[in-house]
Protein backbone atom coordinates (compact mmCIF):
# COMPACT_ATOMS: atom_id res chain seq x y z
CA TYR A 1 -0.02 -0.07 -0.03
CA LYS A 2 0.96 3.48 -0.66
CA ASP A 3 -1.16 6.67 0.28
CA GLY A 4 -3.42 3.91 1.44
CA LYS A 5 -3.61 2.61 -1.87
CA LEU A 6 -3.16 -1.05 -3.52
CA THR A 7 -0.30 -0.62 -5.18
CA SER A 8 1.00 -4.54 -5.89
CA LYS A 9 0.09 -7.99 -4.25
CA GLU A 10 1.57 -11.23 -4.32
CA GLN A 11 0.31 -14.77 -3.65
CA VAL A 12 2.49 -16.40 -0.62
CA LYS A 13 0.95 -19.46 -0.24
CA SER A 14 -1.90 -21.56 -1.45
CA GLU A 15 -3.10 -24.97 0.43
CA VAL A 16 -6.22 -27.26 0.11
CA THR A 17 -7.30 -27.55 3.76
CA LYS A 18 -10.51 -29.81 2.48
CA GLN A 19 -11.48 -31.62 -0.91
CA PRO A 20 -14.48 -29.99 -2.15
CA VAL A 21 -17.81 -31.89 -2.39
CA ASP A 22 -19.91 -32.13 -6.16
CA LYS A 23 -23.41 -31.75 -4.09
CA ILE A 24 -25.25 -28.95 -2.01
CA VAL A 25 -24.92 -29.83 1.66
CA LYS A 26 -27.09 -27.18 2.80
CA VAL A 27 -28.49 -23.98 1.74
CA GLY A 28 -30.19 -21.35 3.97
CA THR A 29 -31.89 -21.69 7.66
CA LYS A 30 -35.05 -23.55 6.21
CA GLU A 31 -35.52 -27.00 7.74
CA PRO A 32 -35.83 -30.02 5.62
CA ALA A 33 -39.76 -31.38 5.12
CA PRO A 34 -40.59 -33.57 8.24
CA LYS A 35 -40.36 -37.22 7.52
CA TYR A 36 -43.73 -39.26 7.52
CA VAL A 37 -43.83 -42.67 8.63
CA SER A 38 -45.57 -44.66 5.87
CA ALA A 39 -49.37 -46.02 6.20
CA SER A 40 -48.35 -49.02 6.63
CA GLN A 41 -46.45 -48.17 9.65
CA ALA A 42 -48.69 -45.78 11.37
CA HIS A 43 -51.58 -48.25 10.96
CA SER A 44 -49.26 -50.74 12.97
CA ILE A 45 -48.44 -47.92 15.82
CA LEU A 46 -52.29 -46.95 15.99
CA SER A 47 -53.91 -50.98 15.89
CA GLY A 48 -52.17 -51.34 19.25
CA SER A 49 -53.45 -47.58 20.76
CA GLY A 50 -56.69 -48.56 21.91
CA MET A 51 -58.43 -46.57 18.96
CA LYS A 52 -61.24 -48.36 17.31
CA ARG A 53 -60.91 -48.28 13.47
CA SER A 54 -62.99 -47.29 10.68
CA GLY A 55 -61.69 -48.32 7.59
CA ASN A 56 -58.67 -45.59 7.50
CA THR A 57 -59.67 -43.47 10.65
CA TYR A 58 -58.93 -44.37 13.91
CA THR A 59 -60.90 -43.14 16.81
CA LEU A 60 -61.04 -42.65 21.09
CA GLU A 61 -64.56 -42.06 22.54
CA SER A 62 -64.60 -40.35 25.82
CA VAL A 63 -67.36 -39.26 28.38
CA HIS A 64 -67.69 -35.97 25.91
CA GLY A 65 -67.43 -37.79 22.74
CA GLN A 66 -64.62 -38.40 20.22
CA ALA A 67 -61.32 -37.26 22.28
CA VAL A 68 -59.00 -38.56 19.39
CA LYS A 69 -59.09 -38.97 15.42
CA VAL A 70 -56.65 -39.80 13.31
CA VAL A 71 -57.01 -40.47 9.59
CA VAL A 72 -54.31 -42.12 7.35
CA GLY A 73 -53.96 -41.42 3.85
CA SER A 74 -52.61 -43.82 0.95
CA ASN A 75 -49.11 -42.65 1.95
CA HIS A 76 -49.15 -41.36 5.45
CA VAL A 77 -51.58 -39.54 8.31
CA THR A 78 -53.23 -36.56 6.65
CA SER A 79 -54.82 -35.40 9.72
CA VAL A 80 -55.05 -35.74 13.42
CA HIS A 81 -57.80 -33.81 15.59
CA HIS A 82 -58.09 -33.93 19.75
CA ASN A 83 -60.91 -32.33 21.54
CA PRO A 84 -59.65 -32.35 24.83
CA THR A 85 -62.70 -30.85 26.81
CA SER A 86 -62.98 -35.34 28.47
CA TYR A 87 -59.25 -34.63 28.88
CA ILE A 88 -59.39 -31.19 30.72
CA SER A 89 -62.88 -32.26 32.78
CA MET A 90 -61.34 -35.34 34.07
CA GLY A 91 -58.36 -33.59 35.45
CA ALA A 92 -60.51 -30.50 36.91
CA MET A 93 -60.61 -31.86 40.89
CA SER A 94 -58.26 -33.06 42.65
CA LYS A 95 -58.48 -36.64 44.61
CA GLN A 96 -59.22 -34.87 48.10
CA GLU A 97 -61.70 -32.24 46.49
CA LEU A 98 -63.82 -34.59 44.87
CA ILE A 99 -63.77 -36.76 48.50
CA ASP A 100 -64.85 -33.77 50.05
CA MET A 101 -67.57 -32.98 47.64
CA LEU A 102 -69.01 -36.55 46.87
CA GLY A 103 -67.35 -38.80 50.21
CA LYS A 104 -64.52 -41.08 50.40
CA GLU A 105 -65.88 -44.01 48.22
CA GLU A 106 -67.52 -42.06 45.64
CA GLY A 107 -65.04 -39.38 45.36
CA THR A 108 -62.33 -41.72 45.20
CA THR A 109 -63.87 -43.65 42.53
CA GLN A 110 -64.17 -40.82 40.30
CA TYR A 111 -60.64 -39.71 40.70
CA GLU A 112 -59.31 -42.86 39.36
CA TYR A 113 -62.04 -43.33 37.10
CA GLY A 114 -60.82 -39.72 35.63
CA VAL A 115 -57.02 -41.06 36.05
CA GLN A 116 -58.27 -43.62 33.67
CA VAL A 117 -59.87 -41.56 31.48
CA ARG A 118 -56.76 -39.26 31.10
CA SER A 119 -54.26 -41.98 30.67
CA GLU A 120 -56.58 -44.05 27.35
CA ILE A 121 -56.44 -40.36 26.03
CA GLU A 122 -52.72 -39.70 26.32
CA ARG A 123 -52.10 -43.49 25.03
CA ALA A 124 -54.31 -42.02 22.01
CA VAL A 125 -52.25 -39.13 21.45
CA ARG A 126 -49.04 -40.57 21.57
CA ALA A 127 -49.99 -43.41 19.24
CA ALA A 128 -51.32 -40.38 16.82
CA ALA A 129 -47.42 -38.53 17.20
CA ASN A 130 -45.69 -41.81 17.08
CA ALA A 131 -48.12 -42.59 13.69
CA VAL A 132 -46.86 -39.03 12.36
CA TYR A 133 -43.18 -38.77 13.00
CA GLY A 134 -42.11 -42.46 14.15
CA SER A 135 -41.81 -43.67 17.87
CA GLY A 136 -39.52 -41.76 19.86
CA THR A 137 -38.64 -38.90 17.23
CA SER A 138 -38.00 -35.49 18.16
CA GLN A 139 -41.18 -34.63 15.65
CA ALA A 140 -43.53 -36.74 17.60
CA ASN A 141 -42.69 -35.63 21.27
CA SER A 142 -43.03 -32.47 20.02
CA LEU A 143 -46.31 -32.88 18.22
CA TYR A 144 -47.52 -34.93 21.32
CA ASN A 145 -46.65 -32.29 23.88
CA GLN A 146 -48.51 -29.44 21.51
CA ILE A 147 -51.42 -31.25 21.15
CA ILE A 148 -52.11 -32.19 25.06
CA ASN A 149 -51.01 -28.80 25.92
CA THR A 150 -53.55 -27.03 24.50
CA GLY A 151 -56.33 -25.70 25.89
CA SER A 152 -58.61 -25.89 22.93
CA ALA A 153 -59.31 -28.12 20.05
CA TYR A 154 -56.32 -29.22 17.60
CA SER A 155 -56.54 -30.43 14.16
CA LYS A 156 -53.73 -30.49 11.94
CA SER A 157 -53.17 -31.67 8.52
CA PHE A 158 -50.08 -33.50 7.18
């Protein structure tokens, strides 16, 4: 440099530190499209869930109607629906509150029934999430949490 201007340049060394790759590895920040399990895998997962099957639709009925509905298309699960009314109402009161209101025997019976209903719904929602993304995957866990923790009706198409 002379007076702040480049007057000449000379390459001192050139070295390849990593061989070039003849493909696009990753461009941008967008995540790849989710990978869904096949329809046959989804049917296998859902058949052991305790949900009732009618054609390609699996449902779990509860006290307040249809709690969970899963539709399997020709390639993968195409939709999941969850009505949280039973799930929320069955966990609305503690065991002690039910005992105080209904007496020890009936309160305990109602509490245990509520625990059973909530457990069945959780099992169905877990099966639905696993039928979409595969058992034990982070996507399935995330979908399960999203569905089960919603305070309103949940519906999603895939």
